[in-house]
Amino acid sequence: MAPIELEESNISIGIDFGKPVIVDRIRCVPRSDDNGICAGNEYELMYWGNNRWESLGRKIAVDRVLSYESVPGNTIYWLKNHSRGIEEGVFTYKEGKQIWW
């Protein structure tokens, strides 16, 4: 097996089959803890307010993006997946970027 190179934005993986082979397809399956936004899953966005978690409502994802309106700023958020996924965490936003804690 060729060495694996890990760089900031480039990952290379080499495989030595031991003899010449014809590769007719490649399948890439990213490693995941299954906590991305998946179509068909039910999510609830919450924020910390009034000394408790306040819900902004539940939604069923139809794509890899969820949209919520009237989200308060300057607080912490929690996106709960009610369908699956176990490694949830809180996050904030700073200068338009999501920061996980």
N, C-alpha and C. Protein backbone atom coordinates (compact mmCIF):
# COMPACT_ATOMS: atom_id res chain seq x y z
N MET A 1 0.84 -1.17 0.00
CA MET A 1 0.00 0.00 0.00
C MET A 1 0.89 1.23 0.00
N ALA A 2 0.57 2.17 -0.86
CA ALA A 2 1.32 3.43 -0.92
C ALA A 2 1.03 4.26 0.33
N PRO A 3 1.92 5.16 0.67
CA PRO A 3 1.69 5.99 1.87
C PRO A 3 0.47 6.88 1.70
N ILE A 4 -0.15 7.19 2.80
CA ILE A 4 -1.29 8.10 2.81
C ILE A 4 -0.77 9.48 3.16
N GLU A 5 -1.08 10.45 2.31
CA GLU A 5 -0.67 11.82 2.55
C GLU A 5 -1.85 12.61 3.09
N LEU A 6 -1.66 13.27 4.19
CA LEU A 6 -2.69 14.13 4.74
C LEU A 6 -2.17 15.56 4.75
N GLU A 7 -2.82 16.39 4.01
CA GLU A 7 -2.48 17.81 3.99
C GLU A 7 -3.71 18.58 4.40
N GLU A 8 -3.57 19.87 4.57
CA GLU A 8 -4.67 20.69 5.02
C GLU A 8 -5.94 20.52 4.19
N SER A 9 -5.82 20.53 2.88
CA SER A 9 -7.01 20.43 2.04
C SER A 9 -6.91 19.32 1.01
N ASN A 10 -5.94 18.40 1.16
CA ASN A 10 -5.75 17.36 0.16
C ASN A 10 -5.46 16.04 0.86
N ILE A 11 -6.22 15.02 0.51
CA ILE A 11 -6.00 13.69 1.06
C ILE A 11 -5.78 12.74 -0.10
N SER A 12 -4.71 11.96 -0.04
CA SER A 12 -4.42 10.97 -1.07
C SER A 12 -4.33 9.60 -0.42
N ILE A 13 -4.93 8.61 -1.07
CA ILE A 13 -4.86 7.24 -0.59
C ILE A 13 -4.45 6.37 -1.76
N GLY A 14 -3.47 5.51 -1.56
CA GLY A 14 -3.03 4.60 -2.60
C GLY A 14 -3.27 3.16 -2.19
N ILE A 15 -3.63 2.31 -3.14
CA ILE A 15 -3.86 0.90 -2.86
C ILE A 15 -3.02 0.06 -3.83
N ASP A 16 -2.26 -0.88 -3.28
CA ASP A 16 -1.47 -1.79 -4.09
C ASP A 16 -2.19 -3.13 -4.12
N PHE A 17 -2.73 -3.50 -5.29
CA PHE A 17 -3.45 -4.76 -5.43
C PHE A 17 -2.50 -5.94 -5.63
N GLY A 18 -1.22 -5.66 -5.79
CA GLY A 18 -0.24 -6.72 -5.96
C GLY A 18 -0.09 -7.20 -7.40
N LYS A 19 -0.98 -6.78 -8.26
CA LYS A 19 -0.92 -7.13 -9.68
C LYS A 19 -1.78 -6.11 -10.43
N PRO A 20 -1.60 -5.99 -11.73
CA PRO A 20 -2.43 -5.04 -12.49
C PRO A 20 -3.90 -5.45 -12.44
N VAL A 21 -4.77 -4.49 -12.20
CA VAL A 21 -6.20 -4.74 -12.18
C VAL A 21 -6.92 -3.63 -12.96
N ILE A 22 -8.12 -3.92 -13.39
CA ILE A 22 -8.95 -2.90 -14.03
C ILE A 22 -9.98 -2.44 -13.00
N VAL A 23 -10.02 -1.16 -12.77
CA VAL A 23 -10.98 -0.58 -11.83
C VAL A 23 -12.08 0.05 -12.67
N ASP A 24 -13.30 -0.48 -12.55
CA ASP A 24 -14.39 0.06 -13.36
C ASP A 24 -15.28 1.02 -12.58
N ARG A 25 -15.09 1.11 -11.27
CA ARG A 25 -15.82 2.10 -10.49
C ARG A 25 -15.15 2.27 -9.13
N ILE A 26 -15.37 3.41 -8.55
CA ILE A 26 -14.86 3.73 -7.22
C ILE A 26 -16.02 4.29 -6.41
N ARG A 27 -16.16 3.81 -5.21
CA ARG A 27 -17.20 4.33 -4.32
C ARG A 27 -16.52 4.97 -3.12
N CYS A 28 -16.85 6.18 -2.85
CA CYS A 28 -16.30 6.90 -1.70
C CYS A 28 -17.39 7.02 -0.64
N VAL A 29 -17.13 6.48 0.52
CA VAL A 29 -18.08 6.56 1.61
C VAL A 29 -17.40 7.32 2.75
N PRO A 30 -17.78 8.58 2.94
CA PRO A 30 -17.13 9.36 3.99
C PRO A 30 -17.46 8.82 5.38
N ARG A 31 -16.49 8.90 6.25
CA ARG A 31 -16.69 8.50 7.63
C ARG A 31 -17.60 9.53 8.29
N SER A 32 -18.58 9.06 9.03
CA SER A 32 -19.56 9.99 9.58
C SER A 32 -20.12 9.44 10.89
N ASP A 33 -20.47 10.35 11.77
CA ASP A 33 -21.18 9.95 12.98
C ASP A 33 -22.68 10.11 12.78
N ASP A 34 -23.07 10.28 11.51
CA ASP A 34 -24.47 10.37 11.10
C ASP A 34 -25.17 11.57 11.71
N ASN A 35 -24.46 12.68 11.82
CA ASN A 35 -25.07 13.87 12.39
C ASN A 35 -25.17 15.02 11.39
N GLY A 36 -25.02 14.72 10.10
CA GLY A 36 -25.27 15.74 9.10
C GLY A 36 -26.78 15.90 8.92
N ILE A 37 -27.19 16.90 8.18
CA ILE A 37 -28.61 17.09 7.89
C ILE A 37 -28.97 16.18 6.74
N CYS A 38 -29.91 15.28 6.96
CA CYS A 38 -30.32 14.28 5.97
C CYS A 38 -31.80 14.45 5.65
N ALA A 39 -32.11 14.43 4.35
CA ALA A 39 -33.51 14.54 3.92
C ALA A 39 -34.33 13.44 4.58
N GLY A 40 -35.51 13.82 5.06
CA GLY A 40 -36.41 12.87 5.71
C GLY A 40 -36.28 12.83 7.21
N ASN A 41 -35.18 13.33 7.76
CA ASN A 41 -35.01 13.35 9.22
C ASN A 41 -35.72 14.55 9.82
N GLU A 42 -36.16 14.40 11.07
CA GLU A 42 -36.83 15.50 11.77
C GLU A 42 -35.85 16.17 12.73
N TYR A 43 -35.78 17.50 12.64
CA TYR A 43 -34.85 18.30 13.44
C TYR A 43 -35.61 19.34 14.24
N GLU A 44 -34.97 19.76 15.33
CA GLU A 44 -35.50 20.85 16.14
C GLU A 44 -34.35 21.78 16.49
N LEU A 45 -34.49 23.05 16.14
CA LEU A 45 -33.47 24.05 16.48
C LEU A 45 -33.88 24.73 17.77
N MET A 46 -32.95 24.74 18.73
CA MET A 46 -33.21 25.37 20.02
C MET A 46 -32.12 26.39 20.30
N TYR A 47 -32.43 27.34 21.14
CA TYR A 47 -31.45 28.32 21.60
C TYR A 47 -31.62 28.50 23.10
N TRP A 48 -30.55 28.99 23.76
CA TRP A 48 -30.59 29.19 25.19
C TRP A 48 -31.15 30.58 25.48
N GLY A 49 -32.29 30.63 26.16
CA GLY A 49 -32.93 31.90 26.52
C GLY A 49 -33.79 31.71 27.74
N ASN A 50 -33.90 32.74 28.55
CA ASN A 50 -34.72 32.67 29.79
C ASN A 50 -34.29 31.51 30.68
N ASN A 51 -32.97 31.25 30.71
CA ASN A 51 -32.39 30.20 31.54
C ASN A 51 -32.92 28.80 31.22
N ARG A 52 -33.26 28.57 29.94
CA ARG A 52 -33.68 27.24 29.50
C ARG A 52 -33.57 27.17 27.98
N TRP A 53 -33.69 25.95 27.43
CA TRP A 53 -33.69 25.76 25.99
C TRP A 53 -35.06 26.13 25.44
N GLU A 54 -35.07 27.06 24.49
CA GLU A 54 -36.29 27.50 23.81
C GLU A 54 -36.29 26.91 22.41
N SER A 55 -37.42 26.35 21.99
CA SER A 55 -37.51 25.72 20.68
C SER A 55 -37.94 26.73 19.61
N LEU A 56 -37.30 26.64 18.45
CA LEU A 56 -37.71 27.42 17.29
C LEU A 56 -38.54 26.56 16.34
N GLY A 57 -38.86 25.36 16.77
CA GLY A 57 -39.74 24.48 16.00
C GLY A 57 -39.04 23.28 15.41
N ARG A 58 -39.86 22.29 15.07
CA ARG A 58 -39.38 21.07 14.43
C ARG A 58 -39.63 21.16 12.94
N LYS A 59 -38.68 20.58 12.17
CA LYS A 59 -38.82 20.56 10.71
C LYS A 59 -38.31 19.23 10.18
N ILE A 60 -38.93 18.77 9.11
CA ILE A 60 -38.44 17.60 8.38
C ILE A 60 -37.57 18.13 7.25
N ALA A 61 -36.33 17.69 7.20
CA ALA A 61 -35.40 18.16 6.17
C ALA A 61 -35.82 17.62 4.80
N VAL A 62 -35.78 18.48 3.79
CA VAL A 62 -36.03 18.04 2.42
C VAL A 62 -34.74 18.11 1.60
N ASP A 63 -33.69 18.63 2.20
CA ASP A 63 -32.38 18.79 1.56
C ASP A 63 -31.33 18.71 2.66
N ARG A 64 -30.11 19.16 2.36
CA ARG A 64 -29.04 19.15 3.35
C ARG A 64 -28.95 20.46 4.11
N VAL A 65 -29.97 21.31 3.97
CA VAL A 65 -30.00 22.63 4.61
C VAL A 65 -31.34 22.81 5.30
N LEU A 66 -31.32 23.41 6.49
CA LEU A 66 -32.54 23.79 7.20
C LEU A 66 -32.57 25.31 7.32
N SER A 67 -33.74 25.90 7.17
CA SER A 67 -33.88 27.35 7.31
C SER A 67 -34.88 27.66 8.41
N TYR A 68 -34.49 28.57 9.29
CA TYR A 68 -35.36 29.05 10.36
C TYR A 68 -35.39 30.57 10.29
N GLU A 69 -36.54 31.14 10.62
CA GLU A 69 -36.68 32.59 10.65
C GLU A 69 -36.74 33.08 12.08
N SER A 70 -36.44 34.36 12.28
CA SER A 70 -36.51 35.00 13.60
C SER A 70 -35.66 34.28 14.64
N VAL A 71 -34.43 33.95 14.26
CA VAL A 71 -33.51 33.30 15.18
C VAL A 71 -32.77 34.38 15.97
N PRO A 72 -32.85 34.35 17.31
CA PRO A 72 -32.17 35.37 18.10
C PRO A 72 -30.65 35.24 18.00
N GLY A 73 -29.96 36.36 18.09
CA GLY A 73 -28.51 36.35 18.04
C GLY A 73 -27.90 36.36 19.43
N ASN A 74 -26.57 36.26 19.46
CA ASN A 74 -25.82 36.34 20.73
C ASN A 74 -26.25 35.31 21.75
N THR A 75 -26.35 34.06 21.35
CA THR A 75 -26.70 32.99 22.27
C THR A 75 -26.06 31.69 21.78
N ILE A 76 -26.34 30.59 22.45
CA ILE A 76 -25.88 29.29 21.97
C ILE A 76 -27.08 28.54 21.39
N TYR A 77 -26.79 27.64 20.44
CA TYR A 77 -27.83 26.91 19.73
C TYR A 77 -27.59 25.41 19.85
N TRP A 78 -28.67 24.67 19.66
CA TRP A 78 -28.60 23.21 19.70
C TRP A 78 -29.54 22.71 18.62
N LEU A 79 -29.00 21.98 17.65
CA LEU A 79 -29.83 21.37 16.61
C LEU A 79 -29.99 19.90 16.96
N LYS A 80 -31.19 19.54 17.36
CA LYS A 80 -31.49 18.18 17.80
C LYS A 80 -32.07 17.39 16.64
N ASN A 81 -31.48 16.22 16.35
CA ASN A 81 -32.02 15.32 15.36
C ASN A 81 -32.91 14.32 16.09
N HIS A 82 -34.20 14.36 15.83
CA HIS A 82 -35.13 13.46 16.51
C HIS A 82 -35.23 12.10 15.81
N SER A 83 -34.61 11.96 14.64
CA SER A 83 -34.67 10.71 13.89
C SER A 83 -33.50 9.79 14.18
N ARG A 84 -32.29 10.34 14.25
CA ARG A 84 -31.09 9.54 14.51
C ARG A 84 -29.92 10.47 14.80
N GLY A 85 -28.76 9.88 15.05
CA GLY A 85 -27.59 10.68 15.40
C GLY A 85 -27.49 10.81 16.90
N ILE A 86 -26.27 10.71 17.42
CA ILE A 86 -26.13 10.71 18.88
C ILE A 86 -25.12 11.73 19.40
N GLU A 87 -24.29 12.28 18.53
CA GLU A 87 -23.25 13.19 19.00
C GLU A 87 -23.62 14.63 18.73
N GLU A 88 -24.64 15.10 19.42
CA GLU A 88 -25.09 16.47 19.24
C GLU A 88 -24.25 17.39 20.10
N GLY A 89 -24.14 18.63 19.70
CA GLY A 89 -23.39 19.60 20.47
C GLY A 89 -23.97 20.98 20.28
N VAL A 90 -23.60 21.87 21.17
CA VAL A 90 -24.05 23.25 21.04
C VAL A 90 -23.07 24.01 20.17
N PHE A 91 -23.56 25.10 19.59
CA PHE A 91 -22.72 25.92 18.73
C PHE A 91 -23.14 27.38 18.84
N THR A 92 -22.26 28.25 18.41
CA THR A 92 -22.53 29.68 18.33
C THR A 92 -22.20 30.14 16.92
N TYR A 93 -22.49 31.40 16.65
CA TYR A 93 -22.10 32.03 15.40
C TYR A 93 -21.27 33.25 15.72
N LYS A 94 -20.16 33.40 15.02
CA LYS A 94 -19.33 34.59 15.17
C LYS A 94 -18.85 34.99 13.79
N GLU A 95 -19.15 36.22 13.41
CA GLU A 95 -18.77 36.75 12.10
C GLU A 95 -19.23 35.84 10.97
N GLY A 96 -20.45 35.31 11.10
CA GLY A 96 -21.04 34.49 10.05
C GLY A 96 -20.54 33.06 9.98
N LYS A 97 -19.73 32.64 10.96
CA LYS A 97 -19.20 31.28 10.97
C LYS A 97 -19.72 30.51 12.17
N GLN A 98 -20.03 29.23 11.93
CA GLN A 98 -20.52 28.37 12.99
C GLN A 98 -19.34 27.84 13.80
N ILE A 99 -19.44 27.92 15.12
CA ILE A 99 -18.37 27.47 16.02
C ILE A 99 -18.95 26.42 16.95
N TRP A 100 -18.41 25.20 16.89
CA TRP A 100 -18.87 24.10 17.74
C TRP A 100 -18.14 24.14 19.08
N TRP A 101 -18.84 23.85 20.18
CA TRP A 101 -18.23 23.85 21.52
C TRP A 101 -18.19 22.46 22.09
